[in-house]
């Protein structure tokens, strides 16, 4: 007759191995039943066992809470390594992200390992590494691979021995990262300085944590892929390169938000050695906003070729098109007809922020008329203005995302932008790209690559020679 299983208590699975500290070891020469060492009451053993389970659950809860607060794939991978190292009692490790569907992204991140260390590990034949066997689906990697004494292993690859001695690890424990909703995502490996391996309880806990972490990583992976796809699609709809026109130098900086937005810029050569300049923003985010941005930019290019000398007419045509084809959407736009030989820009704006003129003796916003965005009025029209620049001066055209990403009120954001442009070093003022970079770094301390910037950013610099 089979022995009865202990009952489940408070929803805790009693089949989980008991913590190692639940039963005190017997002293040498004494019997478990001797009067000097009486057996512990059954209630005390159960209470100690419950205390161990509660402690483990509390630890897992704290670690998973820290994990779910990570917002990017890179942050989550680093947190996985730190938490796993604490659970298995290791000091170093690495995680290899290599999604089984082959769509990427592929990356390797280390804990306590320098970039050179990771490079050395990658020179070891893949089949000789525990994470390589897991990723390649070789037998024995489904539940993890423990190597308690690396240098005692028979048939150890010579290159693996050399790298382990160089980096200074003698044992490892590897786990697959597999989510229920996706193929295998990768593998995590923790490294020990001395021969060692995690105990049964440690393996159970880190296994539970790794399964939860894999689900979180799968969600962040899909988000990262979506962001990358949106950024790629948005970038493909913008100019691949800026035109070369005598008398002016051009530079542009652009960053698409994580959800994909509708900010755009353009520089279009026109007849009579003129140049059409445009920046704009479509309301909304996601694929529909990106598609609308592409349609509006293409339409504006056509109107600029037909009647670019009259920027008001160009924006009026664009407003009519938007109102007839997409009545539920609005957009802001700025279009300028640039005559490089005369150092002049004739400009019209629709609900857009004013350009900024940067020179050796002045830094000032260009006075433009207050006008509604495109699609907001039954008939849009606003007077144009002229910008007359001196040799060496630069006109900055930008979208509102540059201001919004500062997180400050509008007036303070404008002041910050003005101060950034005014502080451009004289040595950089001959290069519109250097000017744009300085302004971006000064206005946005985290730069354009910050992951949590929800807004698109466009900055177009036009320097007159």
Protein backbone atom coordinates (compact mmCIF):
# COMPACT_ATOMS: atom_id res chain seq x y z
CA UNK A 1 0.00 0.00 0.00
CA UNK A 2 1.41 3.31 -0.98
CA UNK A 3 2.22 5.79 1.74
CA UNK A 4 -0.26 8.68 1.85
CA UNK A 5 0.92 12.02 0.48
CA UNK A 6 1.05 14.92 2.95
CA UNK A 7 -1.95 17.17 2.42
CA UNK A 8 -1.65 20.56 0.66
CA UNK A 9 -1.69 23.42 3.15
CA UNK A 10 -2.97 26.90 2.27
CA UNK A 11 -2.59 26.26 -1.43
CA UNK A 12 1.10 25.32 -1.18
CA UNK A 13 2.06 22.21 -3.13
CA UNK A 14 3.32 19.74 -0.55
CA UNK A 15 5.28 17.87 -3.22
CA UNK A 16 7.80 20.70 -3.29
CA UNK A 17 10.97 19.45 -1.56
CA UNK A 18 11.33 20.64 1.98
CA UNK A 19 13.93 23.34 2.69
CA UNK A 20 17.29 22.00 3.77
CA UNK A 21 17.05 23.73 7.14
CA UNK A 22 13.81 22.09 8.26
CA UNK A 23 15.32 19.20 10.22
CA UNK A 24 18.26 19.67 12.57
CA UNK A 25 21.09 17.20 11.98
CA UNK A 26 21.69 14.50 14.56
CA UNK A 27 24.78 14.79 16.71
CA UNK A 28 27.44 12.07 16.29
CA UNK A 29 26.91 9.02 18.49
CA UNK A 30 23.35 9.87 19.37
CA UNK A 31 20.22 8.12 18.16
CA UNK A 32 17.29 10.09 16.75
CA UNK A 33 15.06 8.40 19.33
CA UNK A 34 17.44 8.71 22.31
CA UNK A 35 16.28 10.65 25.38
CA UNK A 36 19.09 13.18 24.83
CA UNK A 37 17.79 13.90 21.34
CA UNK A 38 14.01 13.40 21.34
CA UNK A 39 12.19 13.52 18.00
CA UNK A 40 10.66 16.87 17.09
CA UNK A 41 6.89 17.00 17.36
CA UNK A 42 5.07 16.55 14.07
CA UNK A 43 3.48 19.98 14.44
CA UNK A 44 6.90 21.65 14.85
CA UNK A 45 8.23 19.94 11.72
CA UNK A 46 5.18 21.06 9.72
CA UNK A 47 5.47 24.58 11.09
CA UNK A 48 9.14 24.76 10.13
CA UNK A 49 8.33 23.41 6.71
CA UNK A 50 5.58 25.98 6.25
CA UNK A 51 7.96 28.73 7.34
CA UNK A 52 10.42 27.62 4.68
CA UNK A 53 7.72 27.66 2.01
CA UNK A 54 6.50 31.10 3.04
CA UNK A 55 10.07 32.39 2.99
CA UNK A 56 10.59 31.01 -0.50
CA UNK A 57 7.30 32.43 -1.77
CA UNK A 58 8.14 35.82 -0.29
CA UNK A 59 11.53 35.79 -2.02
CA UNK A 60 9.97 34.84 -5.36
CA UNK A 61 7.32 37.53 -4.95
CA UNK A 62 9.92 40.22 -4.30
CA UNK A 63 12.07 39.14 -7.24
CA UNK A 64 9.18 38.91 -9.69
CA UNK A 65 7.90 42.31 -8.54
CA UNK A 66 11.28 43.79 -9.41
CA UNK A 67 11.20 42.01 -12.75
CA UNK A 68 7.78 43.28 -13.82
CA UNK A 69 8.90 46.85 -13.14
CA UNK A 70 11.43 46.57 -15.97
CA UNK A 71 10.15 48.30 -19.09
CA UNK A 72 12.73 47.28 -21.69
CA UNK A 73 14.22 43.99 -22.83
CA UNK A 74 17.72 45.03 -21.76
CA UNK A 75 16.58 45.95 -18.24
CA UNK A 76 14.69 42.67 -17.87
CA UNK A 77 17.69 40.58 -18.95
CA UNK A 78 19.94 42.31 -16.42
CA UNK A 79 17.36 41.81 -13.67
CA UNK A 80 17.02 38.12 -14.60
CA UNK A 81 20.75 37.65 -14.21
CA UNK A 82 20.92 39.42 -10.84
CA UNK A 83 17.93 37.57 -9.36
CA UNK A 84 19.07 34.19 -10.68
CA UNK A 85 22.55 34.69 -9.25
CA UNK A 86 21.05 35.41 -5.83
CA UNK A 87 18.87 32.29 -6.01
CA UNK A 88 21.62 29.84 -7.02
CA UNK A 89 24.40 31.45 -4.96
CA UNK A 90 26.56 32.52 -7.91
CA UNK A 91 28.45 35.75 -8.47
CA UNK A 92 28.61 35.97 -12.25
CA UNK A 93 26.67 34.85 -15.27
CA UNK A 94 25.41 35.59 -18.75
CA UNK A 95 22.16 35.38 -20.64
CA UNK A 96 22.01 34.63 -24.36
CA UNK A 97 18.87 35.87 -26.10
CA UNK A 98 18.38 33.93 -29.30
CA UNK A 99 14.66 33.53 -30.15
CA UNK A 100 13.90 30.20 -31.74
CA UNK A 101 11.78 31.75 -34.50
CA UNK A 102 14.91 33.38 -35.93
CA UNK A 103 13.39 36.87 -35.96
CA UNK A 104 15.76 38.30 -33.34
CA UNK A 105 16.96 40.37 -31.73
CA UNK A 106 19.97 38.27 -30.73
CA UNK A 107 22.13 39.55 -27.89
CA UNK A 108 24.40 38.40 -25.06
CA UNK A 109 24.47 40.21 -21.71
CA UNK A 110 26.83 39.48 -18.85
CA UNK A 111 26.78 39.89 -15.07
CA UNK A 112 30.21 40.52 -13.57
CA UNK A 113 31.78 39.82 -16.95
CA UNK A 114 33.53 42.42 -19.08
CA UNK A 115 32.89 42.67 -22.80
CA UNK A 116 36.25 40.99 -23.40
CA UNK A 117 35.18 38.07 -21.15
CA UNK A 118 32.05 37.56 -23.23
CA UNK A 119 34.19 37.68 -26.34
CA UNK A 120 36.46 34.95 -24.98
CA UNK A 121 33.46 32.75 -24.11
CA UNK A 122 32.11 33.13 -27.64
CA UNK A 123 35.37 31.65 -29.01
CA UNK A 124 34.58 28.33 -27.32
CA UNK A 125 32.87 25.82 -29.67
CA UNK A 126 29.13 26.18 -29.16
CA UNK A 127 28.59 22.48 -28.54
CA UNK A 128 31.07 22.57 -25.64
CA UNK A 129 29.05 25.18 -23.73
CA UNK A 130 26.00 24.33 -21.66
CA UNK A 131 23.97 27.21 -23.10
CA UNK A 132 24.98 26.11 -26.61
CA UNK A 133 23.57 22.64 -25.98
CA UNK A 134 20.34 24.20 -24.68
CA UNK A 135 19.94 26.57 -27.63
CA UNK A 136 20.71 23.84 -30.16
CA UNK A 137 18.17 21.51 -28.57
CA UNK A 138 20.66 18.80 -27.67
CA UNK A 139 19.63 16.12 -25.13
CA UNK A 140 19.85 17.02 -21.45
CA UNK A 141 19.13 20.73 -21.73
CA UNK A 142 15.37 20.69 -21.25
CA UNK A 143 15.51 21.10 -17.45
CA UNK A 144 18.88 22.76 -17.05
CA UNK A 145 22.51 21.68 -17.07
CA UNK A 146 24.72 21.66 -13.98
CA UNK A 147 28.49 21.37 -14.26
CA UNK A 148 29.65 21.15 -10.62
CA UNK A 149 33.38 20.82 -11.38
CA UNK A 150 34.30 22.01 -14.83
CA UNK A 151 37.95 20.95 -14.75
CA UNK A 152 37.03 17.43 -13.56
CA UNK A 153 34.81 16.91 -16.62
CA UNK A 154 36.01 14.16 -18.93
CA UNK A 155 36.60 15.28 -22.48
CA UNK A 156 36.51 19.00 -21.64
CA UNK A 157 37.19 21.04 -24.74
CA UNK A 158 40.73 22.53 -24.53
CA UNK A 159 39.52 25.95 -25.56
CA UNK A 160 36.81 25.83 -22.90
CA UNK A 161 39.41 24.90 -20.27
CA UNK A 162 41.62 27.81 -21.37
CA UNK A 163 38.80 30.36 -21.30
CA UNK A 164 37.46 29.18 -17.93
CA UNK A 165 40.94 29.45 -16.41
CA UNK A 166 41.43 32.91 -17.91
CA UNK A 167 38.09 34.25 -16.65
CA UNK A 168 38.26 32.33 -13.37
CA UNK A 169 35.18 30.12 -13.12
CA UNK A 170 35.12 26.47 -12.14
CA UNK A 171 31.43 25.47 -12.30
CA UNK A 172 28.20 26.55 -13.96
CA UNK A 173 24.47 26.09 -13.92
CA UNK A 174 22.41 26.78 -17.07
CA UNK A 175 18.66 27.05 -17.62
CA UNK A 176 16.58 27.36 -20.80
CA UNK A 177 14.32 30.38 -21.16
CA UNK A 178 11.10 29.10 -22.70
CA UNK A 179 7.70 30.80 -22.71
CA UNK A 180 4.36 29.09 -23.24
CA UNK A 181 3.42 31.66 -25.89
CA UNK A 182 6.66 31.52 -27.88
CA UNK A 183 9.46 29.27 -28.97
CA UNK A 184 12.63 29.04 -26.90
CA UNK A 185 13.92 32.56 -26.22
CA UNK A 186 17.44 31.77 -25.04
CA UNK A 187 19.40 30.47 -22.08
CA UNK A 188 20.83 31.81 -18.83
CA UNK A 189 24.08 30.60 -17.27
CA UNK A 190 25.43 31.36 -13.80
CA UNK A 191 29.13 30.84 -13.06
CA UNK A 192 30.81 29.79 -9.79
CA UNK A 193 34.35 30.72 -8.84
CA UNK A 194 34.88 27.34 -7.14
CA UNK A 195 33.43 23.86 -7.77
CA UNK A 196 29.79 24.06 -6.68
CA UNK A 197 26.23 23.43 -7.79
CA UNK A 198 22.82 24.64 -6.59
CA UNK A 199 20.89 22.44 -4.20
CA UNK A 200 17.55 20.87 -4.96
CA UNK A 201 15.63 23.71 -3.34
CA UNK A 202 17.66 26.35 -5.18
CA UNK A 203 17.04 24.62 -8.51
CA UNK A 204 13.33 24.52 -7.85
CA UNK A 205 13.17 28.22 -6.97
CA UNK A 206 15.31 29.43 -9.86
CA UNK A 207 13.29 27.20 -12.21
CA UNK A 208 10.04 28.82 -11.09
CA UNK A 209 11.58 32.27 -11.45
CA UNK A 210 13.02 31.50 -14.91
CA UNK A 211 9.65 30.31 -16.20
CA UNK A 212 7.98 33.50 -15.00
CA UNK A 213 10.83 35.62 -16.37
CA UNK A 214 10.55 33.94 -19.78
CA UNK A 215 6.88 34.98 -20.07
CA UNK A 216 7.82 38.58 -19.20
CA UNK A 217 10.69 38.50 -21.67
CA UNK A 218 8.38 37.20 -24.41
CA UNK A 219 6.07 40.19 -23.91
CA UNK A 220 8.95 42.66 -23.97
CA UNK A 221 10.39 40.93 -27.02
CA UNK A 222 7.19 41.45 -28.97
CA UNK A 223 7.10 45.08 -27.86
CA UNK A 224 10.72 45.57 -28.94
CA UNK A 225 9.99 44.03 -32.33
CA UNK A 226 6.98 46.28 -32.77
CA UNK A 227 9.01 49.36 -31.88
CA UNK A 228 11.74 48.38 -34.30
CA UNK A 229 9.26 47.74 -37.09
CA UNK A 230 7.51 51.06 -36.52
CA UNK A 231 10.79 52.97 -36.44
CA UNK A 232 11.96 51.24 -39.62
CA UNK A 233 8.70 51.96 -41.43
CA UNK A 234 8.76 55.60 -40.34
CA UNK A 235 12.39 56.03 -41.37
CA UNK A 236 11.71 54.49 -44.77
CA UNK A 237 9.05 57.14 -45.41
CA UNK A 238 11.51 59.96 -44.74
CA UNK A 239 14.31 61.18 -47.04
CA UNK A 240 17.11 58.65 -47.42
CA UNK A 241 19.54 61.58 -47.78
CA UNK A 242 19.29 65.32 -47.96
CA UNK A 243 19.87 67.11 -51.28
CA UNK A 244 22.96 69.15 -52.04
CA UNK A 245 22.09 72.66 -53.10
CA UNK A 246 24.60 75.45 -53.64
CA UNK A 247 24.46 78.12 -50.95
CA UNK A 248 23.08 76.02 -48.10
CA UNK A 249 24.10 73.08 -45.91
CA UNK A 250 21.48 70.75 -44.47
CA UNK A 251 21.37 68.34 -41.54
CA UNK A 252 18.49 66.44 -39.92
CA UNK A 253 17.98 64.52 -36.71
CA UNK A 254 14.98 62.24 -36.26
CA UNK A 255 13.74 59.78 -33.65
CA UNK A 256 10.51 57.80 -33.83
CA UNK A 257 8.61 57.22 -30.57
CA UNK A 258 8.04 53.68 -29.28
CA UNK A 259 4.51 53.48 -30.70
CA UNK A 260 5.34 54.99 -34.08
CA UNK A 261 4.35 58.56 -34.75
CA UNK A 262 3.61 60.92 -37.58
CA UNK A 263 6.40 63.51 -37.50
CA UNK A 264 8.19 64.17 -40.76
CA UNK A 265 10.66 66.46 -42.48
CA UNK A 266 11.59 67.07 -46.09
CA UNK A 267 13.99 68.99 -48.28
CA UNK A 268 13.10 69.09 -51.96
CA UNK A 269 15.09 70.71 -54.81
CA UNK A 270 12.83 73.03 -56.84
CA UNK A 271 13.25 74.92 -60.14
CA UNK A 272 15.46 78.02 -60.30
CA UNK A 273 17.93 76.58 -57.75
CA UNK A 274 15.34 76.87 -55.00
CA UNK A 275 14.67 74.47 -52.17
CA UNK A 276 11.45 73.39 -50.48
CA UNK A 277 11.75 72.84 -46.72
CA UNK A 278 9.07 71.19 -44.61
CA UNK A 279 8.46 69.76 -41.17
CA UNK A 280 5.15 68.52 -39.84
CA UNK A 281 3.30 66.24 -37.46
CA UNK A 282 0.17 64.12 -37.82
CA UNK A 283 -2.02 63.50 -34.79
CA UNK A 284 -2.09 60.03 -33.28
CA UNK A 285 0.42 57.21 -33.16
CA UNK A 286 0.82 53.72 -34.50
CA UNK A 287 0.62 52.36 -38.05
CA UNK A 288 -2.28 54.61 -39.09
CA UNK A 289 -0.40 57.76 -38.09
CA UNK A 290 2.74 56.60 -39.89
CA UNK A 291 0.71 55.83 -43.03
CA UNK A 292 -1.03 59.23 -42.86
CA UNK A 293 2.35 60.91 -42.45
CA UNK A 294 3.60 59.20 -45.61
CA UNK A 295 0.56 60.30 -47.59
CA UNK A 296 0.77 63.91 -46.43
CA UNK A 297 4.49 64.17 -47.09
CA UNK A 298 4.07 62.78 -50.61
CA UNK A 299 1.19 65.19 -51.29
CA UNK A 300 3.14 68.15 -49.98
CA UNK A 301 6.03 67.34 -52.32
CA UNK A 302 3.64 67.39 -55.27
CA UNK A 303 2.10 70.72 -54.24
CA UNK A 304 5.59 72.17 -53.63
CA UNK A 305 6.65 71.34 -57.18
CA UNK A 306 3.50 72.93 -58.62
CA UNK A 307 3.33 76.12 -56.54
CA UNK A 308 6.22 76.13 -54.12
CA UNK A 309 6.84 79.88 -54.53
CA UNK A 310 3.59 80.43 -52.63
CA UNK A 311 3.87 78.48 -49.34
CA UNK A 312 0.36 79.59 -48.30
CA UNK A 313 -1.08 77.95 -51.41
CA UNK A 314 0.90 74.78 -50.74
CA UNK A 315 -0.52 74.44 -47.22
CA UNK A 316 -4.01 75.42 -48.38
CA UNK A 317 -3.98 72.57 -50.89
CA UNK A 318 -2.69 70.21 -48.25
CA UNK A 319 -5.40 71.27 -45.81
CA UNK A 320 -8.12 70.69 -48.42
CA UNK A 321 -6.75 67.23 -49.18
CA UNK A 322 -6.62 66.31 -45.50
CA UNK A 323 -10.14 67.58 -44.85
CA UNK A 324 -11.61 65.64 -47.78
CA UNK A 325 -9.71 62.37 -47.39
CA UNK A 326 -9.19 62.13 -43.61
CA UNK A 327 -11.74 64.37 -41.89
CA UNK A 328 -11.10 62.83 -38.47
CA UNK A 329 -7.38 63.69 -38.51
CA UNK A 330 -5.48 66.94 -38.09
CA UNK A 331 -1.87 67.89 -38.64
CA UNK A 332 0.58 70.72 -38.13
CA UNK A 333 2.98 71.77 -40.86
CA UNK A 334 5.61 74.31 -41.72
CA UNK A 335 6.64 74.88 -45.34
CA UNK A 336 9.32 77.23 -46.58
CA UNK A 337 10.38 78.25 -50.08
CA UNK A 338 14.13 78.76 -49.75
CA UNK A 339 16.21 80.87 -52.17
CA UNK A 340 19.81 80.11 -51.18
CA UNK A 341 21.36 82.78 -53.41
CA UNK A 342 19.33 85.47 -51.66
CA UNK A 343 19.59 83.77 -48.24
CA UNK A 344 15.83 84.03 -47.94
CA UNK A 345 13.05 81.69 -46.81
CA UNK A 346 9.39 82.49 -47.47
CA UNK A 347 7.53 80.59 -44.82
CA UNK A 348 3.95 79.57 -43.94
CA UNK A 349 2.90 77.63 -40.87
CA UNK A 350 -0.23 75.78 -39.77
CA UNK A 351 -0.35 75.38 -36.01
CA UNK A 352 3.38 74.72 -35.90
CA UNK A 353 6.12 75.97 -33.59
CA UNK A 354 8.15 78.91 -34.96
CA UNK A 355 11.61 78.36 -36.48
CA UNK A 356 14.70 79.44 -34.58
CA UNK A 357 17.35 81.62 -36.24
CA UNK A 358 20.87 81.07 -34.88
CA UNK A 359 23.76 83.39 -35.75
CA UNK A 360 26.92 84.88 -34.33
CA UNK A 361 25.12 88.03 -33.18
CA UNK A 362 21.56 86.80 -32.65
CA UNK A 363 19.49 83.83 -31.57
CA UNK A 364 15.77 84.47 -31.98
CA UNK A 365 12.49 82.81 -32.81
CA UNK A 366 10.98 83.85 -36.13
CA UNK A 367 7.71 85.74 -35.79
CA UNK A 368 4.99 83.72 -37.50
CA UNK A 369 1.26 84.34 -37.55
CA UNK A 370 -0.94 82.37 -35.17
CA UNK A 371 -2.83 79.80 -37.21
CA UNK A 372 -4.84 76.65 -36.65
CA UNK A 373 -3.54 73.17 -37.56
CA UNK A 374 -4.57 71.65 -40.86
CA UNK A 375 -7.98 70.02 -40.75
CA UNK A 376 -9.31 72.17 -37.91
CA UNK A 377 -11.05 74.89 -39.95
CA UNK A 378 -13.42 74.85 -42.91
CA UNK A 379 -10.89 76.88 -44.87
CA UNK A 380 -7.30 77.43 -43.80
CA UNK A 381 -5.23 80.42 -44.77
CA UNK A 382 -2.60 82.46 -42.97
CA UNK A 383 -0.11 85.11 -44.17
CA UNK A 384 3.44 84.07 -44.95
CA UNK A 385 6.60 85.60 -43.48
CA UNK A 386 10.11 86.08 -44.81
CA UNK A 387 13.36 85.12 -43.12
CA UNK A 388 16.45 86.99 -44.28
CA UNK A 389 19.58 85.34 -43.00
CA UNK A 390 23.15 86.56 -42.79
CA UNK A 391 26.07 84.48 -44.10
CA UNK A 392 26.84 81.70 -41.63
CA UNK A 393 23.44 81.82 -39.90
CA UNK A 394 21.36 78.68 -39.38
CA UNK A 395 17.59 78.23 -39.32
CA UNK A 396 16.27 75.39 -37.14
CA UNK A 397 12.94 73.79 -38.06
CA UNK A 398 11.61 71.27 -35.52
CA UNK A 399 8.48 69.47 -34.36
CA UNK A 400 6.75 69.77 -31.01
CA UNK A 401 8.17 66.44 -29.86
CA UNK A 402 11.48 68.17 -29.15
CA UNK A 403 9.67 70.40 -26.66
CA UNK A 404 7.38 67.72 -25.22
CA UNK A 405 10.23 65.32 -24.46
CA UNK A 406 11.69 67.84 -22.01
CA UNK A 407 8.69 67.18 -19.72
CA UNK A 408 8.46 70.89 -18.93
CA UNK A 409 5.76 73.51 -19.48
CA UNK A 410 5.68 74.99 -22.98
CA UNK A 411 7.22 78.35 -22.06
CA UNK A 412 10.06 76.68 -20.16
CA UNK A 413 10.63 74.24 -23.02
CA UNK A 414 10.91 77.14 -25.50
CA UNK A 415 13.34 78.90 -23.17
CA UNK A 416 15.40 75.72 -22.91
CA UNK A 417 15.53 75.38 -26.69
CA UNK A 418 16.55 79.03 -27.08
CA UNK A 419 19.32 78.66 -24.48
CA UNK A 420 20.59 75.51 -26.18
CA UNK A 421 20.82 77.25 -29.56
CA UNK A 422 22.46 80.33 -28.08
CA UNK A 423 25.12 78.19 -26.37
CA UNK A 424 26.38 76.52 -29.55
CA UNK A 425 30.19 76.98 -29.48
CA UNK A 426 31.60 79.17 -32.23
CA UNK A 427 33.77 76.29 -33.42
CA UNK A 428 30.64 74.26 -34.23
CA UNK A 429 28.59 76.92 -35.98
CA UNK A 430 30.00 76.12 -39.40
CA UNK A 431 28.51 72.61 -39.34
CA UNK A 432 24.70 72.25 -39.26
CA UNK A 433 25.03 68.64 -38.08
CA UNK A 434 27.15 69.69 -35.11
CA UNK A 435 24.67 72.45 -34.32
CA UNK A 436 21.77 69.99 -34.39
CA UNK A 437 23.63 67.54 -32.16
CA UNK A 438 24.50 70.26 -29.64
CA UNK A 439 20.91 71.47 -29.48
CA UNK A 440 19.54 67.93 -29.02
CA UNK A 441 22.05 67.11 -26.26
CA UNK A 442 21.32 70.38 -24.47
CA UNK A 443 17.53 70.17 -24.71
CA UNK A 444 17.32 66.42 -24.06
CA UNK A 445 19.97 65.34 -21.54
CA UNK A 446 19.24 61.67 -22.26
CA UNK A 447 19.53 62.26 -26.01
CA UNK A 448 17.33 60.88 -28.75
CA UNK A 449 17.95 57.26 -27.78
CA UNK A 450 16.06 57.35 -24.48
CA UNK A 451 13.63 54.45 -24.55
CA UNK A 452 10.82 56.13 -22.65
CA UNK A 453 10.44 59.11 -24.98
CA UNK A 454 6.86 58.81 -26.19
CA UNK A 455 7.12 61.64 -28.73
CA UNK A 456 8.68 61.71 -32.18
CA UNK A 457 11.45 64.25 -32.59
CA UNK A 458 12.43 66.05 -35.78
CA UNK A 459 15.11 68.73 -36.11
CA UNK A 460 16.11 70.15 -39.51
CA UNK A 461 19.06 72.56 -39.63
CA UNK A 462 19.54 74.86 -42.65
CA UNK A 463 22.82 76.81 -42.69
CA UNK A 464 23.40 79.60 -45.20
CA UNK A 465 26.91 79.94 -46.60
